[in-house]
Amino acid sequence: MEIAIIAHDNKKADMVQFLIKNRIILENERVKLVATGLLGRNAEHSGFKVVKLLPCSMGGDAQIAARVAESKIKVVIFFKDPLASHAHGVDISMLVRICDVHNVPLATNEATAQLLVDAISQQL
C-alpha cells in the first residue's frame, strides 16, 4: 500500500514526529511511503525507507497526483499549514481534486491522519 506524505514547511517536523509515533505500522513490509523533496530526506534521516519525489515547488505534488490517478497511491497525508499563505495554492487544489475524483482518502491534519493510519493497521 503506497501512502503519500507531504507537509508545508512549518509542518515538516510535525509530520516526522507523526511518522515516528506510528513507526510500527508505517514500517510494515506492505506499506510504501512516498514523499516530496525535503520531507522525504527528513523521513529517511529518521530511519524510514521512502521513495523521494521532487519538491512541491518543482512538481512533487503533481507527481503524487499522477500516482493517485494511476491507482498507485491509496492514501495521502498532507499536513497543511492553514495559517500561512502558499505560492502554490493551485497545485494543492489540484491534488485535493484528484484525490476526490479518484476517491482516495486525504488527511490534512494529524487527527484525521491518525484515524487513517489506525484503519490501515486493521487491514495489515
N, C-alpha and C. Protein backbone atom coordinates (compact mmCIF):
# COMPACT_ATOMS: atom_id res chain seq x y z
N MET A 1 0.84 -1.17 0.00
CA MET A 1 0.00 0.00 0.00
C MET A 1 0.89 1.23 0.00
N GLU A 2 0.76 2.06 -1.05
CA GLU A 2 1.51 3.31 -1.11
C GLU A 2 0.77 4.39 -0.35
N ILE A 3 1.51 5.06 0.53
CA ILE A 3 0.98 6.20 1.27
C ILE A 3 1.86 7.39 0.96
N ALA A 4 1.25 8.47 0.46
CA ALA A 4 1.99 9.69 0.17
C ALA A 4 2.00 10.58 1.40
N ILE A 5 3.17 11.15 1.67
CA ILE A 5 3.28 12.12 2.77
C ILE A 5 3.82 13.44 2.20
N ILE A 6 3.15 14.50 2.57
CA ILE A 6 3.50 15.86 2.13
C ILE A 6 3.29 16.76 3.33
N ALA A 7 4.09 17.82 3.44
CA ALA A 7 3.88 18.78 4.53
C ALA A 7 4.41 20.15 4.12
N HIS A 8 3.65 21.17 4.47
CA HIS A 8 4.17 22.52 4.29
C HIS A 8 5.37 22.70 5.21
N ASP A 9 6.21 23.69 4.91
CA ASP A 9 7.46 23.87 5.65
C ASP A 9 7.28 23.89 7.16
N ASN A 10 6.27 24.63 7.64
CA ASN A 10 6.06 24.74 9.08
C ASN A 10 5.49 23.47 9.71
N LYS A 11 5.16 22.48 8.89
CA LYS A 11 4.56 21.24 9.38
C LYS A 11 5.45 20.01 9.16
N LYS A 12 6.63 20.20 8.55
CA LYS A 12 7.50 19.05 8.26
C LYS A 12 7.94 18.33 9.54
N ALA A 13 8.31 19.08 10.56
CA ALA A 13 8.73 18.46 11.83
C ALA A 13 7.56 17.70 12.46
N ASP A 14 6.35 18.26 12.36
CA ASP A 14 5.17 17.57 12.88
C ASP A 14 4.94 16.25 12.14
N MET A 15 5.16 16.26 10.83
CA MET A 15 4.98 15.04 10.05
C MET A 15 5.99 13.97 10.46
N VAL A 16 7.23 14.36 10.63
CA VAL A 16 8.25 13.39 11.04
C VAL A 16 7.90 12.82 12.41
N GLN A 17 7.43 13.64 13.32
CA GLN A 17 7.02 13.15 14.64
C GLN A 17 5.83 12.19 14.51
N PHE A 18 4.91 12.49 13.61
CA PHE A 18 3.77 11.61 13.36
C PHE A 18 4.25 10.26 12.83
N LEU A 19 5.21 10.28 11.92
CA LEU A 19 5.77 9.03 11.39
C LEU A 19 6.41 8.21 12.49
N ILE A 20 7.19 8.87 13.33
CA ILE A 20 7.87 8.18 14.43
C ILE A 20 6.84 7.57 15.38
N LYS A 21 5.81 8.32 15.69
CA LYS A 21 4.74 7.84 16.58
C LYS A 21 4.06 6.60 16.03
N ASN A 22 3.98 6.51 14.70
CA ASN A 22 3.30 5.40 14.04
C ASN A 22 4.28 4.47 13.32
N ARG A 23 5.51 4.43 13.79
CA ARG A 23 6.59 3.68 13.14
C ARG A 23 6.23 2.21 12.90
N ILE A 24 5.65 1.56 13.89
CA ILE A 24 5.36 0.11 13.76
C ILE A 24 4.45 -0.16 12.56
N ILE A 25 3.46 0.67 12.36
CA ILE A 25 2.53 0.48 11.24
C ILE A 25 3.18 0.90 9.93
N LEU A 26 3.85 2.04 9.93
CA LEU A 26 4.37 2.61 8.68
C LEU A 26 5.63 1.91 8.19
N GLU A 27 6.26 1.11 9.04
CA GLU A 27 7.42 0.34 8.59
C GLU A 27 7.04 -1.08 8.22
N ASN A 28 5.76 -1.39 8.21
CA ASN A 28 5.29 -2.70 7.79
C ASN A 28 5.73 -2.95 6.35
N GLU A 29 6.10 -4.17 6.05
CA GLU A 29 6.60 -4.51 4.71
C GLU A 29 5.58 -4.26 3.61
N ARG A 30 4.31 -4.17 3.98
CA ARG A 30 3.27 -3.92 2.97
C ARG A 30 2.95 -2.44 2.77
N VAL A 31 3.66 -1.58 3.50
CA VAL A 31 3.47 -0.13 3.38
C VAL A 31 4.69 0.46 2.68
N LYS A 32 4.42 1.32 1.71
CA LYS A 32 5.48 2.02 0.98
C LYS A 32 5.19 3.51 1.10
N LEU A 33 6.12 4.25 1.70
CA LEU A 33 5.96 5.69 1.85
C LEU A 33 6.54 6.41 0.63
N VAL A 34 5.79 7.38 0.14
CA VAL A 34 6.21 8.22 -0.97
C VAL A 34 6.14 9.65 -0.48
N ALA A 35 7.22 10.41 -0.66
CA ALA A 35 7.26 11.77 -0.12
C ALA A 35 7.84 12.75 -1.13
N THR A 36 7.53 14.01 -0.91
CA THR A 36 8.12 15.07 -1.71
C THR A 36 9.43 15.53 -1.07
N GLY A 37 10.34 15.96 -1.91
CA GLY A 37 11.60 16.60 -1.58
C GLY A 37 12.18 16.46 -0.20
N LEU A 38 12.25 17.60 0.50
CA LEU A 38 12.90 17.68 1.80
C LEU A 38 12.24 16.78 2.84
N LEU A 39 10.94 16.65 2.80
CA LEU A 39 10.26 15.78 3.75
C LEU A 39 10.75 14.35 3.61
N GLY A 40 10.96 13.91 2.38
CA GLY A 40 11.48 12.56 2.16
C GLY A 40 12.85 12.37 2.78
N ARG A 41 13.70 13.37 2.63
CA ARG A 41 15.04 13.29 3.24
C ARG A 41 14.94 13.29 4.76
N ASN A 42 14.07 14.14 5.30
CA ASN A 42 13.90 14.18 6.76
C ASN A 42 13.39 12.84 7.29
N ALA A 43 12.47 12.24 6.57
CA ALA A 43 11.94 10.93 6.99
C ALA A 43 13.04 9.88 6.93
N GLU A 44 13.86 9.93 5.90
CA GLU A 44 14.98 8.98 5.80
C GLU A 44 15.96 9.16 6.96
N HIS A 45 16.23 10.40 7.33
CA HIS A 45 17.14 10.66 8.45
C HIS A 45 16.57 10.13 9.76
N SER A 46 15.26 9.94 9.80
CA SER A 46 14.62 9.37 11.00
C SER A 46 14.49 7.86 10.89
N GLY A 47 15.10 7.28 9.85
CA GLY A 47 15.14 5.83 9.73
C GLY A 47 14.09 5.19 8.84
N PHE A 48 13.30 5.99 8.15
CA PHE A 48 12.24 5.43 7.30
C PHE A 48 12.76 5.22 5.88
N LYS A 49 12.25 4.19 5.26
CA LYS A 49 12.52 3.94 3.85
C LYS A 49 11.45 4.69 3.06
N VAL A 50 11.88 5.60 2.17
CA VAL A 50 10.94 6.48 1.48
C VAL A 50 11.32 6.60 0.00
N VAL A 51 10.32 6.57 -0.86
CA VAL A 51 10.51 6.92 -2.26
C VAL A 51 10.40 8.44 -2.34
N LYS A 52 11.49 9.09 -2.75
CA LYS A 52 11.50 10.55 -2.78
C LYS A 52 11.18 11.06 -4.19
N LEU A 53 10.26 12.02 -4.24
CA LEU A 53 9.90 12.68 -5.48
C LEU A 53 10.46 14.10 -5.46
N LEU A 54 10.09 14.90 -6.44
CA LEU A 54 10.54 16.29 -6.48
C LEU A 54 9.96 17.09 -5.32
N PRO A 55 10.58 18.22 -4.99
CA PRO A 55 9.94 19.13 -4.02
C PRO A 55 8.61 19.63 -4.60
N CYS A 56 7.69 20.01 -3.73
CA CYS A 56 6.39 20.52 -4.20
C CYS A 56 6.56 21.68 -5.15
N SER A 57 7.49 22.58 -4.85
CA SER A 57 7.68 23.77 -5.69
C SER A 57 8.16 23.43 -7.09
N MET A 58 8.65 22.20 -7.28
CA MET A 58 9.13 21.78 -8.59
C MET A 58 8.26 20.70 -9.22
N GLY A 59 7.08 20.44 -8.63
CA GLY A 59 6.15 19.48 -9.22
C GLY A 59 5.95 18.19 -8.45
N GLY A 60 6.48 18.10 -7.24
CA GLY A 60 6.32 16.88 -6.46
C GLY A 60 4.87 16.56 -6.13
N ASP A 61 4.09 17.60 -5.85
CA ASP A 61 2.67 17.37 -5.58
C ASP A 61 1.96 16.88 -6.84
N ALA A 62 2.40 17.34 -8.00
CA ALA A 62 1.82 16.85 -9.26
C ALA A 62 2.21 15.39 -9.50
N GLN A 63 3.44 15.02 -9.12
CA GLN A 63 3.85 13.62 -9.24
C GLN A 63 2.99 12.73 -8.35
N ILE A 64 2.69 13.20 -7.15
CA ILE A 64 1.83 12.43 -6.26
C ILE A 64 0.43 12.33 -6.85
N ALA A 65 -0.08 13.43 -7.38
CA ALA A 65 -1.41 13.40 -8.00
C ALA A 65 -1.44 12.40 -9.15
N ALA A 66 -0.39 12.34 -9.93
CA ALA A 66 -0.33 11.38 -11.04
C ALA A 66 -0.38 9.95 -10.51
N ARG A 67 0.33 9.68 -9.42
CA ARG A 67 0.33 8.34 -8.84
C ARG A 67 -1.04 7.99 -8.27
N VAL A 68 -1.75 9.00 -7.76
CA VAL A 68 -3.13 8.79 -7.30
C VAL A 68 -3.99 8.41 -8.50
N ALA A 69 -3.87 9.17 -9.58
CA ALA A 69 -4.68 8.92 -10.77
C ALA A 69 -4.38 7.56 -11.38
N GLU A 70 -3.16 7.07 -11.21
CA GLU A 70 -2.76 5.75 -11.73
C GLU A 70 -3.12 4.62 -10.76
N SER A 71 -3.80 4.94 -9.67
CA SER A 71 -4.21 3.97 -8.64
C SER A 71 -3.03 3.33 -7.92
N LYS A 72 -1.91 4.03 -7.87
CA LYS A 72 -0.74 3.53 -7.13
C LYS A 72 -0.81 3.95 -5.67
N ILE A 73 -1.07 5.23 -5.43
CA ILE A 73 -1.16 5.76 -4.08
C ILE A 73 -2.58 5.54 -3.57
N LYS A 74 -2.70 4.96 -2.38
CA LYS A 74 -4.00 4.63 -1.81
C LYS A 74 -4.45 5.59 -0.72
N VAL A 75 -3.48 6.33 -0.13
CA VAL A 75 -3.79 7.29 0.94
C VAL A 75 -2.82 8.46 0.81
N VAL A 76 -3.32 9.68 1.02
CA VAL A 76 -2.47 10.86 1.02
C VAL A 76 -2.59 11.52 2.39
N ILE A 77 -1.44 11.78 3.01
CA ILE A 77 -1.39 12.51 4.26
C ILE A 77 -0.62 13.80 3.98
N PHE A 78 -1.33 14.91 4.07
CA PHE A 78 -0.76 16.21 3.71
C PHE A 78 -0.98 17.16 4.88
N PHE A 79 0.05 17.38 5.67
CA PHE A 79 -0.06 18.32 6.77
C PHE A 79 0.05 19.74 6.22
N LYS A 80 -1.10 20.37 6.08
CA LYS A 80 -1.16 21.74 5.56
C LYS A 80 -0.99 22.73 6.71
N ASP A 81 -0.42 23.87 6.39
CA ASP A 81 -0.32 24.96 7.35
C ASP A 81 -1.42 25.96 7.03
N PRO A 82 -2.52 25.92 7.78
CA PRO A 82 -3.66 26.79 7.44
C PRO A 82 -3.43 28.26 7.81
N LEU A 83 -2.35 28.55 8.51
CA LEU A 83 -2.12 29.92 8.97
C LEU A 83 -1.13 30.69 8.09
N ALA A 84 -0.67 30.07 7.03
CA ALA A 84 0.28 30.73 6.13
C ALA A 84 -0.25 30.70 4.71
N SER A 85 0.14 31.71 3.94
CA SER A 85 -0.24 31.69 2.52
C SER A 85 0.83 30.91 1.75
N HIS A 86 0.41 30.28 0.67
CA HIS A 86 1.32 29.42 -0.09
C HIS A 86 1.25 29.79 -1.56
N ALA A 87 2.41 29.96 -2.14
CA ALA A 87 2.51 30.38 -3.54
C ALA A 87 1.93 29.34 -4.50
N HIS A 88 1.94 28.09 -4.09
CA HIS A 88 1.47 27.03 -4.99
C HIS A 88 0.10 26.49 -4.56
N GLY A 89 -0.79 27.39 -4.18
CA GLY A 89 -2.14 27.00 -3.77
C GLY A 89 -2.92 26.28 -4.85
N VAL A 90 -2.67 26.65 -6.10
CA VAL A 90 -3.35 25.98 -7.22
C VAL A 90 -2.95 24.51 -7.28
N ASP A 91 -1.68 24.23 -7.01
CA ASP A 91 -1.19 22.84 -7.03
C ASP A 91 -1.84 22.03 -5.91
N ILE A 92 -2.02 22.67 -4.76
CA ILE A 92 -2.67 22.00 -3.64
C ILE A 92 -4.11 21.67 -4.00
N SER A 93 -4.80 22.62 -4.60
CA SER A 93 -6.18 22.39 -5.02
C SER A 93 -6.26 21.25 -6.03
N MET A 94 -5.29 21.18 -6.93
CA MET A 94 -5.25 20.11 -7.92
C MET A 94 -5.13 18.75 -7.25
N LEU A 95 -4.24 18.64 -6.26
CA LEU A 95 -4.06 17.38 -5.56
C LEU A 95 -5.33 16.98 -4.82
N VAL A 96 -5.95 17.91 -4.15
CA VAL A 96 -7.21 17.63 -3.44
C VAL A 96 -8.27 17.16 -4.42
N ARG A 97 -8.36 17.84 -5.56
CA ARG A 97 -9.35 17.46 -6.59
C ARG A 97 -9.10 16.05 -7.10
N ILE A 98 -7.84 15.72 -7.39
CA ILE A 98 -7.51 14.38 -7.90
C ILE A 98 -7.86 13.31 -6.86
N CYS A 99 -7.60 13.59 -5.59
CA CYS A 99 -7.97 12.63 -4.54
C CYS A 99 -9.49 12.45 -4.50
N ASP A 100 -10.23 13.55 -4.65
CA ASP A 100 -11.69 13.46 -4.66
C ASP A 100 -12.20 12.70 -5.88
N VAL A 101 -11.64 13.00 -7.04
CA VAL A 101 -12.07 12.33 -8.27
C VAL A 101 -11.84 10.82 -8.20
N HIS A 102 -10.72 10.43 -7.62
CA HIS A 102 -10.35 9.01 -7.57
C HIS A 102 -10.71 8.34 -6.24
N ASN A 103 -11.44 9.07 -5.40
CA ASN A 103 -11.93 8.53 -4.13
C ASN A 103 -10.80 7.98 -3.25
N VAL A 104 -9.73 8.78 -3.15
CA VAL A 104 -8.57 8.40 -2.33
C VAL A 104 -8.62 9.22 -1.04
N PRO A 105 -8.53 8.56 0.11
CA PRO A 105 -8.55 9.29 1.38
C PRO A 105 -7.40 10.30 1.48
N LEU A 106 -7.73 11.50 1.94
CA LEU A 106 -6.76 12.58 2.09
C LEU A 106 -6.91 13.19 3.47
N ALA A 107 -5.86 13.09 4.28
CA ALA A 107 -5.86 13.71 5.61
C ALA A 107 -5.03 14.99 5.53
N THR A 108 -5.57 16.07 6.05
CA THR A 108 -4.83 17.34 6.02
C THR A 108 -4.43 17.82 7.41
N ASN A 109 -4.65 16.99 8.42
CA ASN A 109 -4.21 17.32 9.77
C ASN A 109 -3.91 16.03 10.52
N GLU A 110 -3.26 16.16 11.65
CA GLU A 110 -2.81 14.97 12.38
C GLU A 110 -3.96 14.10 12.89
N ALA A 111 -5.03 14.72 13.34
CA ALA A 111 -6.16 13.93 13.88
C ALA A 111 -6.74 13.01 12.81
N THR A 112 -6.96 13.55 11.62
CA THR A 112 -7.51 12.75 10.53
C THR A 112 -6.48 11.71 10.06
N ALA A 113 -5.23 12.12 10.00
CA ALA A 113 -4.17 11.18 9.59
C ALA A 113 -4.11 10.00 10.56
N GLN A 114 -4.26 10.26 11.84
CA GLN A 114 -4.21 9.17 12.82
C GLN A 114 -5.36 8.20 12.61
N LEU A 115 -6.54 8.72 12.31
CA LEU A 115 -7.69 7.84 12.02
C LEU A 115 -7.39 6.94 10.83
N LEU A 116 -6.79 7.51 9.78
CA LEU A 116 -6.46 6.72 8.59
C LEU A 116 -5.41 5.65 8.91
N VAL A 117 -4.37 6.03 9.63
CA VAL A 117 -3.32 5.06 9.97
C VAL A 117 -3.88 3.96 10.87
N ASP A 118 -4.75 4.33 11.80
CA ASP A 118 -5.38 3.31 12.65
C ASP A 118 -6.20 2.34 11.80
N ALA A 119 -6.92 2.85 10.81
CA ALA A 119 -7.71 1.99 9.93
C ALA A 119 -6.79 1.10 9.10
N ILE A 120 -5.69 1.65 8.64
CA ILE A 120 -4.73 0.85 7.86
C ILE A 120 -4.18 -0.27 8.70
N SER A 121 -3.89 0.01 9.96
CA SER A 121 -3.32 -1.03 10.84
C SER A 121 -4.26 -2.22 11.00
N GLN A 122 -5.55 -1.99 10.87
CA GLN A 122 -6.52 -3.07 10.99
C GLN A 122 -6.52 -3.96 9.75
N GLN A 123 -6.02 -3.44 8.62
CA GLN A 123 -6.00 -4.17 7.36
C GLN A 123 -4.70 -4.92 7.14
N LEU A 124 -3.65 -4.57 7.89
CA LEU A 124 -2.34 -5.21 7.68
C LEU A 124 -2.23 -6.54 8.37
